Amino acid sequence: MFTGIIEDLASIVSITKDQENIHYRVKSAITNELKIDQSVAHNGVCLTVVSIDGDTYTVTAIQETLDKTNLNDLAVNDIVNLERAMKLGARLDGHIVQGHVDQVGTCTAISEEDGSWRFTFDYDTSLGNVTIEKGSITVNGTSLTVVDSKEGAFSVAIIPYTYEHTGFKNFKVGTRVNLEFDVIGKYVKRLTEGY
């Protein structure tokens, strides 16, 4: 379980294919605090630490994960948002995030708005996911509030702190992002289907 509050920006040091799996070696300022078998969200994707070597560690993505996320888009030197699993009893500063990406979306517009930024994303509605205004959404692991919700599209407003401390500063129109829709909204939608 995560909160969507990004702890660190890490860089991809190497990418190694191993049959259908891909091993990502990651360099992070928090590597010394990690342990093998720990869950860490990488751009919102929960991956398990499988080895640690100095200031780098390795995680492995299986084909199922690669098929449903933007991890295949990563290249050496790319920056990823990192978050360790939340501690039981700690404040929940973002929202309930599982680290299970629902689908990939695409950035369709970026506008600077007098001290903040508005990012707009499209997503495939055939998968049944929805957003609501003022509802929660996770974009590449970052907990955000939806400010504009339409069928198959939504916008978020990004404050300067979030812009500087997450991968949003590297987004361009066309950037593919991992989306995790609000877990409570998903259960409400499922419970009300067919009624």
C-alpha atoms as a PDB file:
ATOM      1  CA  MET A   1       0.000   0.000   0.000  1.00  0.00           C
ATOM      2  CA  PHE A   2       1.277   3.456  -0.942  1.00  0.00           C
ATOM      3  CA  THR A   3       0.138   7.073  -0.595  1.00  0.00           C
ATOM      4  CA  GLY A   4       1.227   8.599  -3.896  1.00  0.00           C
ATOM      5  CA  ILE A   5       3.637  10.992  -2.171  1.00  0.00           C
ATOM      6  CA  ILE A   6       6.926  10.703  -4.088  1.00  0.00           C
ATOM      7  CA  GLU A   7      10.027  10.247  -1.910  1.00  0.00           C
ATOM      8  CA  ASP A   8      12.809  10.400  -4.472  1.00  0.00           C
ATOM      9  CA  LEU A   9      13.631  10.742  -8.139  1.00  0.00           C
ATOM     10  CA  ALA A  10      15.836   7.828  -9.163  1.00  0.00           C
ATOM     11  CA  SER A  11      17.678   7.067 -12.399  1.00  0.00           C
ATOM     12  CA  ILE A  12      17.697   3.874 -14.431  1.00  0.00           C
ATOM     13  CA  VAL A  13      21.291   2.592 -14.552  1.00  0.00           C
ATOM     14  CA  SER A  14      20.756  -0.525 -16.674  1.00  0.00           C
ATOM     15  CA  ILE A  15      18.007  -2.584 -18.258  1.00  0.00           C
ATOM     16  CA  THR A  16      18.528  -6.315 -18.786  1.00  0.00           C
ATOM     17  CA  LYS A  17      16.135  -8.679 -20.537  1.00  0.00           C
ATOM     18  CA  ASP A  18      15.921 -12.180 -19.032  1.00  0.00           C
ATOM     19  CA  GLN A  19      13.517 -14.368 -20.992  1.00  0.00           C
ATOM     20  CA  GLU A  20      10.178 -12.507 -20.699  1.00  0.00           C
ATOM     21  CA  ASN A  21      11.295 -10.505 -17.642  1.00  0.00           C
ATOM     22  CA  ILE A  22      13.169  -7.228 -17.479  1.00  0.00           C
ATOM     23  CA  HIS A  23      15.570  -6.336 -14.656  1.00  0.00           C
ATOM     24  CA  TYR A  24      15.929  -2.624 -13.926  1.00  0.00           C
ATOM     25  CA  ARG A  25      18.979  -1.482 -11.981  1.00  0.00           C
ATOM     26  CA  VAL A  26      18.116   1.772 -10.239  1.00  0.00           C
ATOM     27  CA  LYS A  27      20.271   4.417  -8.534  1.00  0.00           C
ATOM     28  CA  SER A  28      18.579   6.268  -5.693  1.00  0.00           C
ATOM     29  CA  ALA A  29      19.435   8.389  -2.672  1.00  0.00           C
ATOM     30  CA  ILE A  30      17.322   6.005  -0.551  1.00  0.00           C
ATOM     31  CA  THR A  31      19.005   2.763  -1.691  1.00  0.00           C
ATOM     32  CA  ASN A  32      20.839   2.440   1.635  1.00  0.00           C
ATOM     33  CA  GLU A  33      17.441   2.357   3.407  1.00  0.00           C
ATOM     34  CA  LEU A  34      16.057  -0.474   1.261  1.00  0.00           C
ATOM     35  CA  LYS A  35      16.183  -4.193   1.883  1.00  0.00           C
ATOM     36  CA  ILE A  36      15.792  -7.199  -0.372  1.00  0.00           C
ATOM     37  CA  ASP A  37      12.142  -8.291  -0.774  1.00  0.00           C
ATOM     38  CA  GLN A  38      10.860  -4.756  -0.085  1.00  0.00           C
ATOM     39  CA  SER A  39       8.082  -3.283  -2.233  1.00  0.00           C
ATOM     40  CA  VAL A  40       8.876   0.030  -3.919  1.00  0.00           C
ATOM     41  CA  ALA A  41       6.643   1.923  -6.354  1.00  0.00           C
ATOM     42  CA  HIS A  42       8.458   2.973  -9.549  1.00  0.00           C
ATOM     43  CA  ASN A  43       6.316   5.457 -11.501  1.00  0.00           C
ATOM     44  CA  GLY A  44       3.433   3.942  -9.557  1.00  0.00           C
ATOM     45  CA  VAL A  45       4.306   0.313 -10.313  1.00  0.00           C
ATOM     46  CA  CYS A  46       4.882  -1.846  -7.241  1.00  0.00           C
ATOM     47  CA  LEU A  47       8.097  -3.835  -7.799  1.00  0.00           C
ATOM     48  CA  THR A  48      10.131  -5.984  -5.418  1.00  0.00           C
ATOM     49  CA  VAL A  49      13.774  -5.239  -4.622  1.00  0.00           C
ATOM     50  CA  VAL A  50      15.693  -8.395  -5.623  1.00  0.00           C
ATOM     51  CA  SER A  51      19.287  -7.236  -5.045  1.00  0.00           C
ATOM     52  CA  ILE A  52      21.239  -4.288  -3.654  1.00  0.00           C
ATOM     53  CA  ASP A  53      24.754  -3.232  -4.682  1.00  0.00           C
ATOM     54  CA  GLY A  54      26.124  -0.028  -3.149  1.00  0.00           C
ATOM     55  CA  ASP A  55      23.907   2.889  -4.184  1.00  0.00           C
ATOM     56  CA  THR A  56      21.973   0.815  -6.748  1.00  0.00           C
ATOM     57  CA  TYR A  57      19.338  -1.870  -6.456  1.00  0.00           C
ATOM     58  CA  THR A  58      17.540  -4.158  -8.898  1.00  0.00           C
ATOM     59  CA  VAL A  59      13.844  -4.830  -9.436  1.00  0.00           C
ATOM     60  CA  THR A  60      12.236  -7.231 -11.903  1.00  0.00           C
ATOM     61  CA  ALA A  61       9.142  -6.694 -14.025  1.00  0.00           C
ATOM     62  CA  ILE A  62       7.305  -9.732 -15.413  1.00  0.00           C
ATOM     63  CA  GLN A  63       5.472  -9.757 -18.743  1.00  0.00           C
ATOM     64  CA  GLU A  64       2.069  -9.071 -17.128  1.00  0.00           C
ATOM     65  CA  THR A  65       3.477  -5.886 -15.584  1.00  0.00           C
ATOM     66  CA  LEU A  66       5.217  -4.860 -18.800  1.00  0.00           C
ATOM     67  CA  ASP A  67       1.982  -5.333 -20.767  1.00  0.00           C
ATOM     68  CA  LYS A  68      -0.053  -3.049 -18.471  1.00  0.00           C
ATOM     69  CA  THR A  69       2.402  -0.241 -17.691  1.00  0.00           C
ATOM     70  CA  ASN A  70       4.793   2.161 -19.387  1.00  0.00           C
ATOM     71  CA  LEU A  71       7.882   0.357 -18.033  1.00  0.00           C
ATOM     72  CA  ASN A  72       8.789  -0.770 -21.571  1.00  0.00           C
ATOM     73  CA  ASP A  73       9.227   2.917 -22.435  1.00  0.00           C
ATOM     74  CA  LEU A  74      12.067   3.334 -19.912  1.00  0.00           C
ATOM     75  CA  ALA A  75      15.639   3.765 -21.103  1.00  0.00           C
ATOM     76  CA  VAL A  76      18.981   4.044 -19.322  1.00  0.00           C
ATOM     77  CA  ASN A  77      19.312   7.448 -17.568  1.00  0.00           C
ATOM     78  CA  ASP A  78      15.530   7.962 -17.437  1.00  0.00           C
ATOM     79  CA  ILE A  79      14.183   9.350 -14.175  1.00  0.00           C
ATOM     80  CA  VAL A  80      11.464   7.498 -12.220  1.00  0.00           C
ATOM     81  CA  ASN A  81       9.305   8.533  -9.258  1.00  0.00           C
ATOM     82  CA  LEU A  82       9.977   6.390  -6.168  1.00  0.00           C
ATOM     83  CA  GLU A  83       7.887   5.678  -3.110  1.00  0.00           C
ATOM     84  CA  ARG A  84       8.367   3.037  -0.451  1.00  0.00           C
ATOM     85  CA  ALA A  85       5.319   1.298   1.008  1.00  0.00           C
ATOM     86  CA  MET A  86       3.550   3.318   3.682  1.00  0.00           C
ATOM     87  CA  LYS A  87       4.066   2.599   7.355  1.00  0.00           C
ATOM     88  CA  LEU A  88       1.058   1.424   9.325  1.00  0.00           C
ATOM     89  CA  GLY A  89       0.070   4.154  11.745  1.00  0.00           C
ATOM     90  CA  ALA A  90       1.660   6.971   9.713  1.00  0.00           C
ATOM     91  CA  ARG A  91      -0.235   9.856   8.158  1.00  0.00           C
ATOM     92  CA  LEU A  92      -1.870   9.164   4.810  1.00  0.00           C
ATOM     93  CA  ASP A  93      -0.811  12.380   3.058  1.00  0.00           C
ATOM     94  CA  GLY A  94      -1.934  11.389  -0.436  1.00  0.00           C
ATOM     95  CA  HIS A  95      -4.653   8.792  -0.974  1.00  0.00           C
ATOM     96  CA  ILE A  96      -4.878   4.995  -0.874  1.00  0.00           C
ATOM     97  CA  VAL A  97      -2.641   3.725  -3.688  1.00  0.00           C
ATOM     98  CA  GLN A  98      -2.051   0.041  -4.347  1.00  0.00           C
ATOM     99  CA  GLY A  99       0.829   0.254  -6.815  1.00  0.00           C
ATOM    100  CA  HIS A 100      -1.271  -1.747  -9.290  1.00  0.00           C
ATOM    101  CA  VAL A 101      -1.489   0.234 -12.513  1.00  0.00           C
ATOM    102  CA  ASP A 102      -4.914   0.098 -14.163  1.00  0.00           C
ATOM    103  CA  GLN A 103      -3.798   1.299 -17.578  1.00  0.00           C
ATOM    104  CA  VAL A 104      -1.483   3.590 -19.496  1.00  0.00           C
ATOM    105  CA  GLY A 105      -2.642   7.074 -20.471  1.00  0.00           C
ATOM    106  CA  THR A 106      -1.125   9.743 -22.716  1.00  0.00           C
ATOM    107  CA  CYS A 107      -0.322  13.377 -21.950  1.00  0.00           C
ATOM    108  CA  THR A 108      -2.264  15.461 -24.486  1.00  0.00           C
ATOM    109  CA  ALA A 109      -1.704  19.022 -23.240  1.00  0.00           C
ATOM    110  CA  ILE A 110       0.518  20.998 -20.883  1.00  0.00           C
ATOM    111  CA  SER A 111      -0.146  24.618 -20.012  1.00  0.00           C
ATOM    112  CA  GLU A 112       1.623  26.946 -17.610  1.00  0.00           C
ATOM    113  CA  GLU A 113      -0.915  28.821 -15.494  1.00  0.00           C
ATOM    114  CA  ASP A 114       0.680  31.717 -13.624  1.00  0.00           C
ATOM    115  CA  GLY A 115       2.738  29.754 -11.123  1.00  0.00           C
ATOM    116  CA  SER A 116       1.346  26.265 -11.665  1.00  0.00           C
ATOM    117  CA  TRP A 117       0.864  23.829 -14.532  1.00  0.00           C
ATOM    118  CA  ARG A 118      -2.154  22.007 -15.927  1.00  0.00           C
ATOM    119  CA  PHE A 119      -1.551  18.580 -17.472  1.00  0.00           C
ATOM    120  CA  THR A 120      -4.259  16.830 -19.474  1.00  0.00           C
ATOM    121  CA  PHE A 121      -4.306  13.082 -20.101  1.00  0.00           C
ATOM    122  CA  ASP A 122      -6.381  10.778 -22.313  1.00  0.00           C
ATOM    123  CA  TYR A 123      -7.124   7.155 -21.486  1.00  0.00           C
ATOM    124  CA  ASP A 124      -9.031   4.260 -23.065  1.00  0.00           C
ATOM    125  CA  THR A 125     -12.554   4.104 -21.603  1.00  0.00           C
ATOM    126  CA  SER A 126     -13.141   0.544 -22.822  1.00  0.00           C
ATOM    127  CA  LEU A 127     -11.331  -0.690 -19.697  1.00  0.00           C
ATOM    128  CA  GLY A 128     -14.111   0.747 -17.513  1.00  0.00           C
ATOM    129  CA  ASN A 129     -12.072   3.274 -15.535  1.00  0.00           C
ATOM    130  CA  VAL A 130     -13.544   6.657 -14.640  1.00  0.00           C
ATOM    131  CA  THR A 131     -12.499   9.904 -12.982  1.00  0.00           C
ATOM    132  CA  ILE A 132     -14.568  12.498 -11.170  1.00  0.00           C
ATOM    133  CA  GLU A 133     -13.780  16.139 -10.495  1.00  0.00           C
ATOM    134  CA  LYS A 134     -12.078  16.552  -7.119  1.00  0.00           C
ATOM    135  CA  GLY A 135     -11.526  12.786  -7.045  1.00  0.00           C
ATOM    136  CA  SER A 136      -8.118  11.155  -6.690  1.00  0.00           C
ATOM    137  CA  ILE A 137      -5.921   9.794  -9.470  1.00  0.00           C
ATOM    138  CA  THR A 138      -2.363   8.496  -9.471  1.00  0.00           C
ATOM    139  CA  VAL A 139      -0.169   9.515 -12.430  1.00  0.00           C
ATOM    140  CA  ASN A 140       3.220   7.748 -12.525  1.00  0.00           C
ATOM    141  CA  GLY A 141       2.780   7.095  -8.815  1.00  0.00           C
ATOM    142  CA  THR A 142       1.959  10.700  -7.877  1.00  0.00           C
ATOM    143  CA  SER A 143      -1.249  11.245  -5.888  1.00  0.00           C
ATOM    144  CA  LEU A 144      -3.233  14.051  -7.516  1.00  0.00           C
ATOM    145  CA  THR A 145      -6.677  15.632  -7.525  1.00  0.00           C
ATOM    146  CA  VAL A 146      -8.665  15.649 -10.761  1.00  0.00           C
ATOM    147  CA  VAL A 147      -9.570  19.241 -11.676  1.00  0.00           C
ATOM    148  CA  ASP A 148     -11.359  18.536 -14.941  1.00  0.00           C
ATOM    149  CA  SER A 149     -13.022  15.211 -15.720  1.00  0.00           C
ATOM    150  CA  LYS A 150     -14.414  14.174 -19.090  1.00  0.00           C
ATOM    151  CA  GLU A 151     -15.113  10.779 -20.605  1.00  0.00           C
ATOM    152  CA  GLY A 152     -11.694   9.374 -21.474  1.00  0.00           C
ATOM    153  CA  ALA A 153      -9.783  12.453 -20.323  1.00  0.00           C
ATOM    154  CA  PHE A 154      -8.905  14.423 -17.221  1.00  0.00           C
ATOM    155  CA  SER A 155      -6.656  17.263 -16.097  1.00  0.00           C
ATOM    156  CA  VAL A 156      -4.601  17.825 -12.964  1.00  0.00           C
ATOM    157  CA  ALA A 157      -3.056  21.008 -11.584  1.00  0.00           C
ATOM    158  CA  ILE A 158       0.574  20.761 -10.506  1.00  0.00           C
ATOM    159  CA  ILE A 159       2.109  23.113  -7.938  1.00  0.00           C
ATOM    160  CA  PRO A 160       5.773  24.126  -8.289  1.00  0.00           C
ATOM    161  CA  TYR A 161       6.929  21.748  -5.512  1.00  0.00           C
ATOM    162  CA  THR A 162       5.332  18.724  -7.222  1.00  0.00           C
ATOM    163  CA  TYR A 163       6.645  19.847 -10.614  1.00  0.00           C
ATOM    164  CA  GLU A 164      10.230  20.045  -9.310  1.00  0.00           C
ATOM    165  CA  HIS A 165      10.177  16.883  -7.149  1.00  0.00           C
ATOM    166  CA  THR A 166       8.515  14.439  -9.554  1.00  0.00           C
ATOM    167  CA  GLY A 167       8.897  13.365 -13.165  1.00  0.00           C
ATOM    168  CA  PHE A 168       6.271  15.898 -14.283  1.00  0.00           C
ATOM    169  CA  LYS A 169       9.055  18.321 -15.235  1.00  0.00           C
ATOM    170  CA  ASN A 170      10.103  15.814 -17.925  1.00  0.00           C
ATOM    171  CA  PHE A 171       6.637  15.235 -19.414  1.00  0.00           C
ATOM    172  CA  LYS A 172       5.891  16.310 -22.970  1.00  0.00           C
ATOM    173  CA  VAL A 173       2.766  16.007 -25.077  1.00  0.00           C
ATOM    174  CA  GLY A 174       2.753  12.340 -26.062  1.00  0.00           C
ATOM    175  CA  THR A 175       4.411  11.052 -22.870  1.00  0.00           C
ATOM    176  CA  ARG A 176       2.820   7.758 -21.813  1.00  0.00           C
ATOM    177  CA  VAL A 177       2.050   7.529 -18.096  1.00  0.00           C
ATOM    178  CA  ASN A 178       0.900   4.878 -15.635  1.00  0.00           C
ATOM    179  CA  LEU A 179      -2.590   5.522 -14.264  1.00  0.00           C
ATOM    180  CA  GLU A 180      -4.040   4.051 -11.116  1.00  0.00           C
ATOM    181  CA  PHE A 181      -7.630   5.126 -10.623  1.00  0.00           C
ATOM    182  CA  ASP A 182      -9.050   5.675  -7.142  1.00  0.00           C
ATOM    183  CA  VAL A 183      -9.590   2.285  -5.455  1.00  0.00           C
ATOM    184  CA  ILE A 184     -12.731   3.429  -3.638  1.00  0.00           C
ATOM    185  CA  GLY A 185     -14.197   4.713  -6.904  1.00  0.00           C
ATOM    186  CA  LYS A 186     -13.425   1.374  -8.578  1.00  0.00           C
ATOM    187  CA  TYR A 187     -15.298  -0.555  -5.874  1.00  0.00           C
ATOM    188  CA  VAL A 188     -18.284   1.828  -5.943  1.00  0.00           C
ATOM    189  CA  LYS A 189     -18.442   1.504  -9.746  1.00  0.00           C
ATOM    190  CA  ARG A 190     -18.283  -2.298  -9.525  1.00  0.00           C
ATOM    191  CA  LEU A 191     -20.995  -2.461  -6.828  1.00  0.00           C
ATOM    192  CA  THR A 192     -23.389  -0.258  -8.796  1.00  0.00           C
ATOM    193  CA  GLU A 193     -22.931  -1.917 -12.211  1.00  0.00           C
ATOM    194  CA  GLY A 194     -26.121  -3.562 -13.370  1.00  0.00           C
ATOM    195  CA  TYR A 195     -28.417  -1.685 -10.980  1.00  0.00           C
END
